[in-house]
């Protein structure tokens, strides 16, 4: 019916009755809205003008808005991550349990958002550096033999043929010979540091990160060391020491164990953290990661090497 009226055609009075009721209803809604707007403008102190709905904002200054209650902003401070302390040594009778103490860890290092893309880039970067790149073959110019043409180009009735270094002949060179090259790629230093933070945080969320007070092992027997690790429930464990070298007894005790690896904090990589199922740090390694990877130092009472009772 609206289409008929828009085209200029006439309709019956019975058919136009619903349309007239809609028109009256629309006019009533517009008039009520306009009256409410005028009454609101009068109450707010704005003069009613006929220049348009936006003219009052150009000619009249807005009243000052003051908050009813004072709002103060408090800067957000990250809280340290607390981890119960473990012990590599067997507890002696009368001594306090190691799990009764906790270690405060820097949240920017051990509670970083997980970035799988960063981990992938770090793993690819590490594996590219491991490739030797020494594969090499001889092409047709490097194989031994004369460069003389084997037979004339025409007149023999056979296929044309060059020198004996032709790749399709036995003893000839490779068509696309491999050459020694460097497969290593580059990765920004900050991206490598972020990969370390993400890897440590992932181990923390998986509850596969342990902290011990010291990695000094009293004996050198592999069987005793393996039995102690089994009693702690550690499988495929990576020990990270904070000093420049791994303790001698720990290295000798674990050298014959395939599921145990020992390294230092400065030599560990993102690939190592992801490869091993369990990662165990000592207090020196925790402090080293805080100094090298921490974005903002914690207060003096919350440093990583500080141990407190539960």
C-alpha atoms as a PDB file:
ATOM      1  CA  UNK A   1       0.000   0.000   0.000  1.00  0.00           C
ATOM      2  CA  UNK A   2       2.907   2.351   0.744  1.00  0.00           C
ATOM      3  CA  UNK A   3       4.288   1.567  -2.706  1.00  0.00           C
ATOM      4  CA  UNK A   4       0.972   2.506  -4.368  1.00  0.00           C
ATOM      5  CA  UNK A   5       0.859   5.861  -2.620  1.00  0.00           C
ATOM      6  CA  UNK A   6       4.510   6.562  -3.469  1.00  0.00           C
ATOM      7  CA  UNK A   7       3.718   5.923  -7.147  1.00  0.00           C
ATOM      8  CA  UNK A   8       0.795   8.393  -7.078  1.00  0.00           C
ATOM      9  CA  UNK A   9      -1.956   5.792  -7.356  1.00  0.00           C
ATOM     10  CA  UNK A  10      -5.219   6.015  -5.345  1.00  0.00           C
ATOM     11  CA  UNK A  11      -6.455   3.460  -2.833  1.00  0.00           C
ATOM     12  CA  UNK A  12      -9.844   2.816  -1.305  1.00  0.00           C
ATOM     13  CA  UNK A  13     -10.878   4.438   1.999  1.00  0.00           C
ATOM     14  CA  UNK A  14     -11.114   1.016   3.666  1.00  0.00           C
ATOM     15  CA  UNK A  15      -7.546   0.172   2.665  1.00  0.00           C
ATOM     16  CA  UNK A  16      -6.194   3.623   3.619  1.00  0.00           C
ATOM     17  CA  UNK A  17      -7.664   3.509   7.158  1.00  0.00           C
ATOM     18  CA  UNK A  18      -4.729   1.545   8.717  1.00  0.00           C
ATOM     19  CA  UNK A  19      -2.252   3.853   6.990  1.00  0.00           C
ATOM     20  CA  UNK A  20      -3.912   6.964   8.444  1.00  0.00           C
ATOM     21  CA  UNK A  21      -3.762   5.468  11.937  1.00  0.00           C
ATOM     22  CA  UNK A  22       0.021   4.826  11.534  1.00  0.00           C
ATOM     23  CA  UNK A  23       0.535   8.418  10.343  1.00  0.00           C
ATOM     24  CA  UNK A  24      -1.365   9.833  13.327  1.00  0.00           C
ATOM     25  CA  UNK A  25       0.643   7.626  15.697  1.00  0.00           C
ATOM     26  CA  UNK A  26       3.930   8.800  14.189  1.00  0.00           C
ATOM     27  CA  UNK A  27       2.920  12.463  14.473  1.00  0.00           C
ATOM     28  CA  UNK A  28       2.001  11.946  18.125  1.00  0.00           C
ATOM     29  CA  UNK A  29       5.345  10.343  18.903  1.00  0.00           C
ATOM     30  CA  UNK A  30       7.275  13.191  17.216  1.00  0.00           C
ATOM     31  CA  UNK A  31       5.271  15.865  19.050  1.00  0.00           C
ATOM     32  CA  UNK A  32       5.762  14.190  22.454  1.00  0.00           C
ATOM     33  CA  UNK A  33       9.506  13.832  21.884  1.00  0.00           C
ATOM     34  CA  UNK A  34       9.768  17.490  20.863  1.00  0.00           C
ATOM     35  CA  UNK A  35       7.849  18.651  23.916  1.00  0.00           C
ATOM     36  CA  UNK A  36      10.055  16.566  26.218  1.00  0.00           C
ATOM     37  CA  UNK A  37      13.190  18.023  24.631  1.00  0.00           C
ATOM     38  CA  UNK A  38      11.905  21.581  25.059  1.00  0.00           C
ATOM     39  CA  UNK A  39      11.011  20.968  28.718  1.00  0.00           C
ATOM     40  CA  UNK A  40      14.459  19.439  29.350  1.00  0.00           C
ATOM     41  CA  UNK A  41      16.193  22.419  27.761  1.00  0.00           C
ATOM     42  CA  UNK A  42      14.210  24.821  29.916  1.00  0.00           C
ATOM     43  CA  UNK A  43      15.021  22.909  33.100  1.00  0.00           C
ATOM     44  CA  UNK A  44      18.734  22.827  32.227  1.00  0.00           C
ATOM     45  CA  UNK A  45      18.801  26.555  31.542  1.00  0.00           C
ATOM     46  CA  UNK A  46      19.329  26.374  27.785  1.00  0.00           C
ATOM     47  CA  UNK A  47      17.203  28.808  25.714  1.00  0.00           C
ATOM     48  CA  UNK A  48      15.039  27.200  23.051  1.00  0.00           C
ATOM     49  CA  UNK A  49      16.055  28.330  19.583  1.00  0.00           C
ATOM     50  CA  UNK A  50      14.716  27.555  16.146  1.00  0.00           C
ATOM     51  CA  UNK A  51      18.152  27.408  14.543  1.00  0.00           C
ATOM     52  CA  UNK A  52      18.457  23.652  14.961  1.00  0.00           C
ATOM     53  CA  UNK A  53      19.083  21.008  17.596  1.00  0.00           C
ATOM     54  CA  UNK A  54      22.836  21.701  17.620  1.00  0.00           C
ATOM     55  CA  UNK A  55      22.757  25.488  17.848  1.00  0.00           C
ATOM     56  CA  UNK A  56      22.449  25.543  21.650  1.00  0.00           C
ATOM     57  CA  UNK A  57      25.798  23.745  22.001  1.00  0.00           C
ATOM     58  CA  UNK A  58      27.501  26.446  19.929  1.00  0.00           C
ATOM     59  CA  UNK A  59      26.052  29.473  21.767  1.00  0.00           C
ATOM     60  CA  UNK A  60      25.767  28.268  25.361  1.00  0.00           C
ATOM     61  CA  UNK A  61      28.608  27.155  27.662  1.00  0.00           C
ATOM     62  CA  UNK A  62      28.220  23.808  29.401  1.00  0.00           C
ATOM     63  CA  UNK A  63      27.925  23.791  33.196  1.00  0.00           C
ATOM     64  CA  UNK A  64      30.896  22.496  35.137  1.00  0.00           C
ATOM     65  CA  UNK A  65      30.513  18.839  36.112  1.00  0.00           C
ATOM     66  CA  UNK A  66      31.972  17.924  39.478  1.00  0.00           C
ATOM     67  CA  UNK A  67      32.181  14.328  40.742  1.00  0.00           C
ATOM     68  CA  UNK A  68      30.086  13.502  43.770  1.00  0.00           C
ATOM     69  CA  UNK A  69      32.812  11.417  45.378  1.00  0.00           C
ATOM     70  CA  UNK A  70      36.603  11.624  44.992  1.00  0.00           C
ATOM     71  CA  UNK A  71      38.186   8.795  42.981  1.00  0.00           C
ATOM     72  CA  UNK A  72      41.847   8.016  43.467  1.00  0.00           C
ATOM     73  CA  UNK A  73      43.888   5.783  41.176  1.00  0.00           C
ATOM     74  CA  UNK A  74      46.272   3.243  42.614  1.00  0.00           C
ATOM     75  CA  UNK A  75      49.158   2.003  40.409  1.00  0.00           C
ATOM     76  CA  UNK A  76      49.104  -1.738  39.747  1.00  0.00           C
ATOM     77  CA  UNK A  77      52.065  -3.632  41.128  1.00  0.00           C
ATOM     78  CA  UNK A  78      52.738  -7.244  40.078  1.00  0.00           C
ATOM     79  CA  UNK A  79      52.869  -9.711  42.913  1.00  0.00           C
ATOM     80  CA  UNK A  80      55.724 -12.216  43.191  1.00  0.00           C
ATOM     81  CA  UNK A  81      55.150 -15.877  42.421  1.00  0.00           C
ATOM     82  CA  UNK A  82      55.769 -18.150  45.391  1.00  0.00           C
ATOM     83  CA  UNK A  83      57.127 -21.670  44.884  1.00  0.00           C
ATOM     84  CA  UNK A  84      57.731 -24.215  47.650  1.00  0.00           C
ATOM     85  CA  UNK A  85      61.360 -25.102  48.111  1.00  0.00           C
ATOM     86  CA  UNK A  86      62.618 -28.613  47.317  1.00  0.00           C
ATOM     87  CA  UNK A  87      65.774 -30.394  48.442  1.00  0.00           C
ATOM     88  CA  UNK A  88      68.074 -32.676  46.504  1.00  0.00           C
ATOM     89  CA  UNK A  89      69.561 -34.078  49.701  1.00  0.00           C
ATOM     90  CA  UNK A  90      67.847 -36.582  51.958  1.00  0.00           C
ATOM     91  CA  UNK A  91      66.382 -34.904  55.039  1.00  0.00           C
ATOM     92  CA  UNK A  92      68.174 -35.799  58.223  1.00  0.00           C
ATOM     93  CA  UNK A  93      66.176 -36.571  61.395  1.00  0.00           C
ATOM     94  CA  UNK A  94      65.436 -33.434  63.352  1.00  0.00           C
ATOM     95  CA  UNK A  95      65.902 -31.063  60.423  1.00  0.00           C
ATOM     96  CA  UNK A  96      63.140 -28.884  59.005  1.00  0.00           C
ATOM     97  CA  UNK A  97      61.416 -29.988  55.813  1.00  0.00           C
ATOM     98  CA  UNK A  98      62.401 -28.049  52.710  1.00  0.00           C
ATOM     99  CA  UNK A  99      58.778 -27.724  51.567  1.00  0.00           C
ATOM    100  CA  UNK A 100      58.030 -25.597  54.644  1.00  0.00           C
ATOM    101  CA  UNK A 101      59.827 -22.695  52.896  1.00  0.00           C
ATOM    102  CA  UNK A 102      58.889 -20.805  49.753  1.00  0.00           C
ATOM    103  CA  UNK A 103      60.865 -18.798  47.202  1.00  0.00           C
ATOM    104  CA  UNK A 104      59.597 -15.506  45.736  1.00  0.00           C
ATOM    105  CA  UNK A 105      60.003 -15.382  41.953  1.00  0.00           C
ATOM    106  CA  UNK A 106      59.864 -12.343  39.698  1.00  0.00           C
ATOM    107  CA  UNK A 107      56.451 -12.296  37.913  1.00  0.00           C
ATOM    108  CA  UNK A 108      57.867 -10.682  34.761  1.00  0.00           C
ATOM    109  CA  UNK A 109      60.155 -13.720  34.343  1.00  0.00           C
ATOM    110  CA  UNK A 110      58.128 -16.632  35.728  1.00  0.00           C
ATOM    111  CA  UNK A 111      54.572 -15.386  35.051  1.00  0.00           C
ATOM    112  CA  UNK A 112      54.858 -14.080  31.492  1.00  0.00           C
ATOM    113  CA  UNK A 113      51.954 -14.491  29.023  1.00  0.00           C
ATOM    114  CA  UNK A 114      52.375 -17.619  26.908  1.00  0.00           C
ATOM    115  CA  UNK A 115      53.477 -16.862  23.327  1.00  0.00           C
ATOM    116  CA  UNK A 116      53.662 -20.017  21.233  1.00  0.00           C
ATOM    117  CA  UNK A 117      54.872 -18.069  18.209  1.00  0.00           C
ATOM    118  CA  UNK A 118      57.885 -16.798  20.136  1.00  0.00           C
ATOM    119  CA  UNK A 119      58.698 -20.322  21.321  1.00  0.00           C
ATOM    120  CA  UNK A 120      58.500 -21.587  17.741  1.00  0.00           C
ATOM    121  CA  UNK A 121      60.879 -18.906  16.494  1.00  0.00           C
ATOM    122  CA  UNK A 122      63.369 -19.672  19.276  1.00  0.00           C
ATOM    123  CA  UNK A 123      63.272 -23.423  18.579  1.00  0.00           C
ATOM    124  CA  UNK A 124      63.757 -22.911  14.848  1.00  0.00           C
ATOM    125  CA  UNK A 125      66.628 -20.514  15.539  1.00  0.00           C
ATOM    126  CA  UNK A 126      68.322 -23.058  17.825  1.00  0.00           C
ATOM    127  CA  UNK A 127      67.873 -26.015  15.461  1.00  0.00           C
ATOM    128  CA  UNK A 128      69.127 -24.020  12.474  1.00  0.00           C
ATOM    129  CA  UNK A 129      72.318 -23.281  14.376  1.00  0.00           C
ATOM    130  CA  UNK A 130      72.815 -27.011  15.047  1.00  0.00           C
ATOM    131  CA  UNK A 131      72.964 -27.925  11.356  1.00  0.00           C
ATOM    132  CA  UNK A 132      76.499 -28.662  10.169  1.00  0.00           C
ATOM    133  CA  UNK A 133      75.989 -27.603   6.583  1.00  0.00           C
ATOM    134  CA  UNK A 134      78.925 -29.688   5.326  1.00  0.00           C
ATOM    135  CA  UNK A 135      77.120 -31.697   2.632  1.00  0.00           C
ATOM    136  CA  UNK A 136      78.829 -31.177  -0.727  1.00  0.00           C
ATOM    137  CA  UNK A 137      78.843 -32.883  -4.160  1.00  0.00           C
ATOM    138  CA  UNK A 138      80.854 -32.289  -7.291  1.00  0.00           C
ATOM    139  CA  UNK A 139      79.275 -30.681 -10.288  1.00  0.00           C
ATOM    140  CA  UNK A 140      80.292 -31.324 -13.913  1.00  0.00           C
ATOM    141  CA  UNK A 141      83.121 -28.802 -13.683  1.00  0.00           C
ATOM    142  CA  UNK A 142      84.674 -30.409 -10.590  1.00  0.00           C
ATOM    143  CA  UNK A 143      84.733 -34.111 -11.552  1.00  0.00           C
ATOM    144  CA  UNK A 144      87.978 -35.534 -12.917  1.00  0.00           C
ATOM    145  CA  UNK A 145      88.295 -36.048 -16.649  1.00  0.00           C
ATOM    146  CA  UNK A 146      88.930 -34.186 -19.856  1.00  0.00           C
ATOM    147  CA  UNK A 147      86.659 -31.462 -21.113  1.00  0.00           C
ATOM    148  CA  UNK A 148      86.955 -32.664 -24.696  1.00  0.00           C
ATOM    149  CA  UNK A 149      83.774 -33.370 -26.614  1.00  0.00           C
ATOM    150  CA  UNK A 150      83.240 -37.126 -26.744  1.00  0.00           C
ATOM    151  CA  UNK A 151      81.976 -37.320 -30.370  1.00  0.00           C
ATOM    152  CA  UNK A 152      81.082 -34.925 -33.159  1.00  0.00           C
ATOM    153  CA  UNK A 153      77.875 -32.977 -32.949  1.00  0.00           C
ATOM    154  CA  UNK A 154      76.570 -34.348 -36.246  1.00  0.00           C
ATOM    155  CA  UNK A 155      77.153 -37.265 -38.605  1.00  0.00           C
ATOM    156  CA  UNK A 156      77.203 -40.163 -36.143  1.00  0.00           C
ATOM    157  CA  UNK A 157      73.439 -40.723 -36.010  1.00  0.00           C
ATOM    158  CA  UNK A 158      73.550 -40.756 -32.244  1.00  0.00           C
ATOM    159  CA  UNK A 159      72.470 -38.189 -29.682  1.00  0.00           C
ATOM    160  CA  UNK A 160      74.594 -35.137 -29.244  1.00  0.00           C
ATOM    161  CA  UNK A 161      76.944 -35.360 -26.300  1.00  0.00           C
ATOM    162  CA  UNK A 162      79.468 -33.066 -24.641  1.00  0.00           C
ATOM    163  CA  UNK A 163      82.323 -33.911 -22.247  1.00  0.00           C
ATOM    164  CA  UNK A 164      82.418 -36.819 -19.818  1.00  0.00           C
ATOM    165  CA  UNK A 165      81.287 -34.604 -16.934  1.00  0.00           C
ATOM    166  CA  UNK A 166      77.753 -34.693 -18.297  1.00  0.00           C
ATOM    167  CA  UNK A 167      75.346 -35.445 -15.388  1.00  0.00           C
ATOM    168  CA  UNK A 168      73.538 -38.164 -17.354  1.00  0.00           C
ATOM    169  CA  UNK A 169      76.730 -40.207 -17.824  1.00  0.00           C
ATOM    170  CA  UNK A 170      78.140 -42.610 -15.284  1.00  0.00           C
ATOM    171  CA  UNK A 171      80.906 -40.862 -13.344  1.00  0.00           C
ATOM    172  CA  UNK A 172      79.655 -37.449 -14.336  1.00  0.00           C
ATOM    173  CA  UNK A 173      78.915 -34.564 -12.002  1.00  0.00           C
ATOM    174  CA  UNK A 174      75.679 -33.775 -10.208  1.00  0.00           C
ATOM    175  CA  UNK A 175      73.312 -31.497 -12.055  1.00  0.00           C
ATOM    176  CA  UNK A 176      72.496 -29.414  -8.971  1.00  0.00           C
ATOM    177  CA  UNK A 177      75.326 -30.247  -6.624  1.00  0.00           C
ATOM    178  CA  UNK A 178      75.009 -29.479  -2.913  1.00  0.00           C
ATOM    179  CA  UNK A 179      77.569 -27.079  -1.507  1.00  0.00           C
ATOM    180  CA  UNK A 180      78.627 -26.392   2.072  1.00  0.00           C
ATOM    181  CA  UNK A 181      76.709 -23.481   3.510  1.00  0.00           C
ATOM    182  CA  UNK A 182      75.678 -21.916   6.786  1.00  0.00           C
ATOM    183  CA  UNK A 183      72.115 -22.731   7.824  1.00  0.00           C
ATOM    184  CA  UNK A 184      72.114 -20.530  10.925  1.00  0.00           C
ATOM    185  CA  UNK A 185      69.530 -17.750  11.094  1.00  0.00           C
ATOM    186  CA  UNK A 186      69.349 -14.561  13.121  1.00  0.00           C
ATOM    187  CA  UNK A 187      66.914 -13.714  15.896  1.00  0.00           C
ATOM    188  CA  UNK A 188      66.758 -10.424  17.822  1.00  0.00           C
ATOM    189  CA  UNK A 189      68.163 -10.539  21.337  1.00  0.00           C
ATOM    190  CA  UNK A 190      64.976  -9.215  22.917  1.00  0.00           C
ATOM    191  CA  UNK A 191      62.988 -11.951  21.219  1.00  0.00           C
ATOM    192  CA  UNK A 192      65.360 -14.562  22.627  1.00  0.00           C
ATOM    193  CA  UNK A 193      64.935 -13.086  26.105  1.00  0.00           C
ATOM    194  CA  UNK A 194      61.165 -13.145  25.712  1.00  0.00           C
ATOM    195  CA  UNK A 195      61.411 -16.792  24.666  1.00  0.00           C
ATOM    196  CA  UNK A 196      63.249 -17.584  27.916  1.00  0.00           C
ATOM    197  CA  UNK A 197      60.562 -15.816  29.942  1.00  0.00           C
ATOM    198  CA  UNK A 198      57.782 -17.655  28.112  1.00  0.00           C
ATOM    199  CA  UNK A 199      59.518 -21.036  28.493  1.00  0.00           C
ATOM    200  CA  UNK A 200      60.070 -20.547  32.249  1.00  0.00           C
ATOM    201  CA  UNK A 201      56.490 -19.355  32.688  1.00  0.00           C
ATOM    202  CA  UNK A 202      55.169 -22.358  30.767  1.00  0.00           C
ATOM    203  CA  UNK A 203      57.094 -24.725  33.041  1.00  0.00           C
ATOM    204  CA  UNK A 204      55.725 -22.866  36.045  1.00  0.00           C
ATOM    205  CA  UNK A 205      52.131 -23.238  34.851  1.00  0.00           C
ATOM    206  CA  UNK A 206      52.692 -26.918  34.106  1.00  0.00           C
ATOM    207  CA  UNK A 207      54.027 -27.351  37.665  1.00  0.00           C
ATOM    208  CA  UNK A 208      57.225 -28.727  36.130  1.00  0.00           C
ATOM    209  CA  UNK A 209      59.588 -26.171  37.689  1.00  0.00           C
ATOM    210  CA  UNK A 210      61.360 -26.859  40.966  1.00  0.00           C
ATOM    211  CA  UNK A 211      63.714 -24.763  43.071  1.00  0.00           C
ATOM    212  CA  UNK A 212      66.325 -26.223  45.415  1.00  0.00           C
ATOM    213  CA  UNK A 213      68.600 -24.404  47.792  1.00  0.00           C
ATOM    214  CA  UNK A 214      71.743 -26.080  46.443  1.00  0.00           C
ATOM    215  CA  UNK A 215      72.767 -28.592  43.781  1.00  0.00           C
ATOM    216  CA  UNK A 216      75.758 -29.886  45.725  1.00  0.00           C
ATOM    217  CA  UNK A 217      75.582 -33.694  45.780  1.00  0.00           C
ATOM    218  CA  UNK A 218      77.719 -35.419  48.443  1.00  0.00           C
ATOM    219  CA  UNK A 219      78.567 -38.647  46.571  1.00  0.00           C
ATOM    220  CA  UNK A 220      79.587 -39.748  43.109  1.00  0.00           C
ATOM    221  CA  UNK A 221      77.610 -43.008  42.820  1.00  0.00           C
ATOM    222  CA  UNK A 222      75.200 -42.983  39.900  1.00  0.00           C
ATOM    223  CA  UNK A 223      72.880 -45.545  41.525  1.00  0.00           C
ATOM    224  CA  UNK A 224      72.346 -43.468  44.657  1.00  0.00           C
ATOM    225  CA  UNK A 225      71.677 -40.348  42.628  1.00  0.00           C
ATOM    226  CA  UNK A 226      69.199 -42.166  40.386  1.00  0.00           C
ATOM    227  CA  UNK A 227      67.398 -43.586  43.402  1.00  0.00           C
ATOM    228  CA  UNK A 228      67.087 -40.124  44.964  1.00  0.00           C
ATOM    229  CA  UNK A 229      65.641 -38.625  41.791  1.00  0.00           C
ATOM    230  CA  UNK A 230      63.157 -41.483  41.545  1.00  0.00           C
ATOM    231  CA  UNK A 231      62.009 -40.916  45.138  1.00  0.00           C
ATOM    232  CA  UNK A 232      61.314 -37.262  44.319  1.00  0.00           C
ATOM    233  CA  UNK A 233      59.229 -38.249  41.274  1.00  0.00           C
ATOM    234  CA  UNK A 234      61.405 -36.362  38.784  1.00  0.00           C
ATOM    235  CA  UNK A 235      61.493 -37.800  35.248  1.00  0.00           C
ATOM    236  CA  UNK A 236      63.592 -36.409  32.412  1.00  0.00           C
ATOM    237  CA  UNK A 237      64.981 -33.678  34.623  1.00  0.00           C
ATOM    238  CA  UNK A 238      67.197 -30.734  33.699  1.00  0.00           C
ATOM    239  CA  UNK A 239      69.352 -29.259  36.479  1.00  0.00           C
ATOM    240  CA  UNK A 240      70.338 -25.607  36.036  1.00  0.00           C
ATOM    241  CA  UNK A 241      73.155 -24.238  38.177  1.00  0.00           C
ATOM    242  CA  UNK A 242      73.660 -20.516  38.749  1.00  0.00           C
ATOM    243  CA  UNK A 243      77.465 -20.592  38.804  1.00  0.00           C
ATOM    244  CA  UNK A 244      79.814 -20.681  35.828  1.00  0.00           C
ATOM    245  CA  UNK A 245      80.244 -24.470  35.995  1.00  0.00           C
ATOM    246  CA  UNK A 246      78.233 -27.484  37.195  1.00  0.00           C
ATOM    247  CA  UNK A 247      79.322 -29.038  40.520  1.00  0.00           C
ATOM    248  CA  UNK A 248      81.775 -31.865  39.918  1.00  0.00           C
ATOM    249  CA  UNK A 249      79.947 -34.486  41.987  1.00  0.00           C
ATOM    250  CA  UNK A 250      76.645 -33.713  40.308  1.00  0.00           C
ATOM    251  CA  UNK A 251      78.223 -33.942  36.862  1.00  0.00           C
ATOM    252  CA  UNK A 252      79.932 -37.259  37.586  1.00  0.00           C
ATOM    253  CA  UNK A 253      76.823 -38.766  39.197  1.00  0.00           C
ATOM    254  CA  UNK A 254      74.513 -37.867  36.309  1.00  0.00           C
ATOM    255  CA  UNK A 255      76.814 -38.262  33.309  1.00  0.00           C
ATOM    256  CA  UNK A 256      75.704 -41.873  32.664  1.00  0.00           C
ATOM    257  CA  UNK A 257      71.979 -41.179  33.095  1.00  0.00           C
ATOM    258  CA  UNK A 258      70.182 -40.619  29.824  1.00  0.00           C
ATOM    259  CA  UNK A 259      67.184 -38.907  31.452  1.00  0.00           C
ATOM    260  CA  UNK A 260      69.265 -36.354  33.388  1.00  0.00           C
ATOM    261  CA  UNK A 261      71.129 -33.348  32.051  1.00  0.00           C
ATOM    262  CA  UNK A 262      73.066 -30.637  33.903  1.00  0.00           C
ATOM    263  CA  UNK A 263      73.871 -27.171  32.620  1.00  0.00           C
ATOM    264  CA  UNK A 264      74.370 -23.596  33.786  1.00  0.00           C
ATOM    265  CA  UNK A 265      71.984 -20.665  33.676  1.00  0.00           C
ATOM    266  CA  UNK A 266      74.043 -18.773  31.100  1.00  0.00           C
ATOM    267  CA  UNK A 267      74.258 -21.802  28.758  1.00  0.00           C
ATOM    268  CA  UNK A 268      70.651 -22.994  28.884  1.00  0.00           C
ATOM    269  CA  UNK A 269      68.445 -22.330  25.860  1.00  0.00           C
ATOM    270  CA  UNK A 270      64.727 -22.225  25.161  1.00  0.00           C
ATOM    271  CA  UNK A 271      65.051 -25.538  23.343  1.00  0.00           C
ATOM    272  CA  UNK A 272      66.489 -27.161  26.489  1.00  0.00           C
ATOM    273  CA  UNK A 273      63.660 -25.866  28.669  1.00  0.00           C
ATOM    274  CA  UNK A 274      61.050 -27.246  26.286  1.00  0.00           C
ATOM    275  CA  UNK A 275      62.830 -30.542  25.659  1.00  0.00           C
ATOM    276  CA  UNK A 276      63.103 -31.701  29.274  1.00  0.00           C
ATOM    277  CA  UNK A 277      60.012 -32.615  31.238  1.00  0.00           C
ATOM    278  CA  UNK A 278      61.190 -31.290  34.628  1.00  0.00           C
ATOM    279  CA  UNK A 279      63.403 -28.246  35.252  1.00  0.00           C
ATOM    280  CA  UNK A 280      65.155 -27.774  38.605  1.00  0.00           C
ATOM    281  CA  UNK A 281      66.891 -24.498  39.484  1.00  0.00           C
ATOM    282  CA  UNK A 282      69.049 -23.579  42.412  1.00  0.00           C
ATOM    283  CA  UNK A 283      68.916 -20.197  44.160  1.00  0.00           C
ATOM    284  CA  UNK A 284      71.864 -18.922  42.131  1.00  0.00           C
ATOM    285  CA  UNK A 285      70.084 -19.721  38.859  1.00  0.00           C
ATOM    286  CA  UNK A 286      66.944 -17.926  40.068  1.00  0.00           C
ATOM    287  CA  UNK A 287      68.954 -14.806  40.877  1.00  0.00           C
ATOM    288  CA  UNK A 288      70.736 -15.007  37.504  1.00  0.00           C
ATOM    289  CA  UNK A 289      67.424 -15.141  35.609  1.00  0.00           C
ATOM    290  CA  UNK A 290      66.109 -12.230  37.674  1.00  0.00           C
ATOM    291  CA  UNK A 291      69.108 -10.083  36.824  1.00  0.00           C
ATOM    292  CA  UNK A 292      69.214 -10.966  33.133  1.00  0.00           C
ATOM    293  CA  UNK A 293      65.507 -11.244  32.290  1.00  0.00           C
ATOM    294  CA  UNK A 294      63.734  -9.203  34.973  1.00  0.00           C
ATOM    295  CA  UNK A 295      61.997  -6.087  33.669  1.00  0.00           C
ATOM    296  CA  UNK A 296      61.530  -4.420  37.050  1.00  0.00           C
ATOM    297  CA  UNK A 297      63.337  -5.444  40.239  1.00  0.00           C
ATOM    298  CA  UNK A 298      61.233  -6.522  43.173  1.00  0.00           C
ATOM    299  CA  UNK A 299      61.534  -4.786  46.554  1.00  0.00           C
ATOM    300  CA  UNK A 300      64.343  -5.891  48.812  1.00  0.00           C
ATOM    301  CA  UNK A 301      62.115  -8.202  50.807  1.00  0.00           C
ATOM    302  CA  UNK A 302      60.832 -10.053  47.722  1.00  0.00           C
ATOM    303  CA  UNK A 303      64.015 -10.850  45.795  1.00  0.00           C
ATOM    304  CA  UNK A 304      64.314 -14.284  44.240  1.00  0.00           C
ATOM    305  CA  UNK A 305      67.063 -15.533  46.503  1.00  0.00           C
ATOM    306  CA  UNK A 306      65.143 -14.630  49.658  1.00  0.00           C
ATOM    307  CA  UNK A 307      63.654 -17.689  51.344  1.00  0.00           C
ATOM    308  CA  UNK A 308      60.880 -17.320  53.838  1.00  0.00           C
ATOM    309  CA  UNK A 309      58.932 -19.713  56.044  1.00  0.00           C
ATOM    310  CA  UNK A 310      55.358 -20.551  55.179  1.00  0.00           C
END
